[in-house]
N, C-alpha and C. Protein backbone atom coordinates (compact mmCIF):
# COMPACT_ATOMS: atom_id res chain seq x y z
N UNK A 1 -12.25 -4.01 6.24
CA UNK A 1 -10.91 -3.82 5.70
C UNK A 1 -10.92 -4.16 4.21
N UNK A 2 -10.02 -3.51 3.48
CA UNK A 2 -9.91 -3.68 2.04
C UNK A 2 -8.53 -4.26 1.73
N UNK A 3 -8.46 -5.39 1.03
CA UNK A 3 -7.18 -6.00 0.67
C UNK A 3 -6.83 -5.62 -0.76
N UNK A 4 -5.60 -5.10 -0.94
CA UNK A 4 -5.15 -4.69 -2.27
C UNK A 4 -3.83 -5.39 -2.58
N UNK A 5 -3.73 -5.95 -3.80
CA UNK A 5 -2.53 -6.64 -4.26
C UNK A 5 -1.75 -5.72 -5.19
N UNK A 6 -0.41 -5.72 -5.05
CA UNK A 6 0.45 -4.89 -5.89
C UNK A 6 1.87 -5.44 -5.84
N UNK A 7 2.75 -4.91 -6.70
CA UNK A 7 4.15 -5.34 -6.71
C UNK A 7 4.99 -4.49 -5.78
N UNK A 8 5.83 -5.15 -5.01
CA UNK A 8 6.77 -4.46 -4.13
C UNK A 8 7.76 -3.67 -5.00
N UNK A 9 8.02 -2.41 -4.66
CA UNK A 9 8.97 -1.62 -5.45
C UNK A 9 10.43 -2.02 -5.25
N UNK A 10 10.70 -2.94 -4.34
CA UNK A 10 12.06 -3.42 -4.10
C UNK A 10 12.30 -4.78 -4.75
N UNK A 11 11.50 -5.78 -4.38
CA UNK A 11 11.75 -7.16 -4.83
C UNK A 11 10.84 -7.58 -5.98
N UNK A 12 9.85 -6.76 -6.32
CA UNK A 12 8.93 -6.98 -7.45
C UNK A 12 7.99 -8.18 -7.25
N UNK A 13 7.95 -8.73 -6.05
CA UNK A 13 7.00 -9.81 -5.75
C UNK A 13 5.61 -9.20 -5.55
N UNK A 14 4.59 -9.98 -5.89
CA UNK A 14 3.23 -9.52 -5.63
C UNK A 14 2.93 -9.71 -4.14
N UNK A 15 2.49 -8.65 -3.50
CA UNK A 15 2.15 -8.68 -2.08
C UNK A 15 0.76 -8.06 -1.91
N UNK A 16 0.23 -8.14 -0.72
CA UNK A 16 -1.05 -7.51 -0.44
C UNK A 16 -0.97 -6.76 0.88
N UNK A 17 -1.80 -5.76 1.00
CA UNK A 17 -1.90 -5.00 2.25
C UNK A 17 -3.37 -4.77 2.55
N UNK A 18 -3.69 -4.77 3.84
CA UNK A 18 -5.03 -4.46 4.28
C UNK A 18 -5.11 -2.97 4.61
N UNK A 19 -6.15 -2.32 4.09
CA UNK A 19 -6.31 -0.88 4.30
C UNK A 19 -7.72 -0.61 4.81
N UNK A 20 -7.87 0.48 5.54
CA UNK A 20 -9.15 0.88 6.11
C UNK A 20 -9.85 1.84 5.15
N UNK A 21 -10.92 1.41 4.47
CA UNK A 21 -11.59 2.29 3.51
C UNK A 21 -12.41 3.40 4.15
N UNK A 22 -12.56 3.40 5.48
CA UNK A 22 -13.31 4.48 6.13
C UNK A 22 -12.50 5.76 6.21
N UNK A 23 -11.18 5.68 5.93
CA UNK A 23 -10.32 6.87 5.90
C UNK A 23 -10.06 7.18 4.42
N UNK A 24 -10.59 8.30 3.93
CA UNK A 24 -10.58 8.56 2.49
C UNK A 24 -9.19 8.76 1.91
N UNK A 25 -8.30 9.42 2.63
CA UNK A 25 -6.95 9.67 2.11
C UNK A 25 -5.96 9.45 3.25
N UNK A 26 -4.92 8.66 2.97
CA UNK A 26 -3.95 8.34 4.01
C UNK A 26 -2.59 8.04 3.39
N UNK A 27 -1.54 8.23 4.17
CA UNK A 27 -0.18 7.87 3.77
C UNK A 27 0.49 7.25 4.98
N UNK A 28 1.09 6.08 4.77
CA UNK A 28 1.78 5.42 5.87
C UNK A 28 2.87 4.52 5.32
N UNK A 29 3.70 3.98 6.21
CA UNK A 29 4.80 3.11 5.82
C UNK A 29 4.53 1.72 6.38
N UNK A 30 4.68 0.72 5.50
CA UNK A 30 4.51 -0.67 5.92
C UNK A 30 5.59 -1.50 5.24
N UNK A 31 6.11 -2.49 5.94
CA UNK A 31 7.17 -3.33 5.38
C UNK A 31 6.61 -4.36 4.41
N UNK A 32 7.40 -4.67 3.37
CA UNK A 32 7.05 -5.73 2.43
C UNK A 32 7.04 -7.05 3.18
N UNK A 33 6.04 -7.88 2.93
CA UNK A 33 5.94 -9.18 3.61
C UNK A 33 6.94 -10.20 3.08
N UNK A 34 7.61 -9.90 1.94
CA UNK A 34 8.60 -10.81 1.36
C UNK A 34 10.01 -10.38 1.70
N UNK A 35 10.38 -9.13 1.37
CA UNK A 35 11.77 -8.68 1.55
C UNK A 35 11.98 -7.78 2.77
N UNK A 36 10.91 -7.39 3.45
CA UNK A 36 10.94 -6.61 4.69
C UNK A 36 11.41 -5.16 4.52
N UNK A 37 11.50 -4.66 3.30
CA UNK A 37 11.87 -3.26 3.08
C UNK A 37 10.65 -2.36 3.28
N UNK A 38 10.87 -1.11 3.74
CA UNK A 38 9.75 -0.21 4.01
C UNK A 38 9.18 0.40 2.72
N UNK A 39 7.86 0.38 2.61
CA UNK A 39 7.15 0.91 1.45
C UNK A 39 6.22 2.02 1.93
N UNK A 40 6.30 3.18 1.27
CA UNK A 40 5.36 4.26 1.55
C UNK A 40 4.11 4.03 0.71
N UNK A 41 2.98 3.86 1.37
CA UNK A 41 1.72 3.51 0.72
C UNK A 41 0.77 4.69 0.84
N UNK A 42 0.13 5.06 -0.30
CA UNK A 42 -0.83 6.16 -0.31
C UNK A 42 -2.10 5.70 -1.04
N UNK A 43 -3.06 5.16 -0.29
CA UNK A 43 -4.34 4.81 -0.91
C UNK A 43 -5.35 5.96 -0.76
N UNK A 44 -6.29 6.04 -1.70
CA UNK A 44 -7.40 6.99 -1.61
C UNK A 44 -8.69 6.23 -1.87
N UNK A 45 -9.66 6.44 -1.00
CA UNK A 45 -10.95 5.77 -1.11
C UNK A 45 -12.06 6.79 -1.31
N UNK A 46 -13.09 6.35 -2.05
CA UNK A 46 -14.31 7.14 -2.19
C UNK A 46 -15.47 6.16 -2.13
N UNK A 47 -16.40 6.39 -1.24
CA UNK A 47 -17.54 5.49 -1.04
C UNK A 47 -17.08 4.05 -0.81
N UNK A 48 -16.05 3.90 0.01
CA UNK A 48 -15.48 2.60 0.37
C UNK A 48 -14.87 1.83 -0.80
N UNK A 49 -14.60 2.51 -1.91
CA UNK A 49 -13.94 1.90 -3.08
C UNK A 49 -12.58 2.56 -3.27
N UNK A 50 -11.58 1.76 -3.59
CA UNK A 50 -10.24 2.27 -3.84
C UNK A 50 -10.23 2.98 -5.19
N UNK A 51 -9.89 4.28 -5.19
CA UNK A 51 -9.88 5.05 -6.44
C UNK A 51 -8.47 5.41 -6.89
N UNK A 52 -7.50 5.34 -5.97
CA UNK A 52 -6.10 5.63 -6.32
C UNK A 52 -5.21 4.90 -5.33
N UNK A 53 -4.04 4.47 -5.83
CA UNK A 53 -3.09 3.76 -4.97
C UNK A 53 -1.68 3.99 -5.49
N UNK A 54 -0.78 4.34 -4.59
CA UNK A 54 0.63 4.49 -4.92
C UNK A 54 1.46 3.77 -3.86
N UNK A 55 2.53 3.12 -4.32
CA UNK A 55 3.47 2.45 -3.42
C UNK A 55 4.86 2.80 -3.89
N UNK A 56 5.65 3.42 -3.01
CA UNK A 56 7.00 3.87 -3.37
C UNK A 56 8.03 3.32 -2.40
N UNK A 57 9.23 3.09 -2.92
CA UNK A 57 10.33 2.73 -2.03
C UNK A 57 10.74 3.97 -1.24
N UNK A 58 11.34 3.73 -0.09
CA UNK A 58 11.85 4.81 0.74
C UNK A 58 13.35 4.76 0.66
N UNK A 59 13.92 5.76 0.02
CA UNK A 59 15.38 5.77 -0.14
C UNK A 59 16.04 6.00 1.19
N UNK A 60 16.93 5.09 1.55
CA UNK A 60 17.59 5.17 2.85
C UNK A 60 19.07 5.34 2.67
């Protein structure tokens, strides 16, 4: 598993998420560990290294 730290797009706190680097491109929703709001996460891996990462709020 790969741990990545970033700022929550809602509360701006630094959080981390564990991602599976064996899947090269993925998009999923995970809640912020601080404010519990849903974040759409899109990581991209190449050779088990993170090459791109996006985290967006989900407008509800």
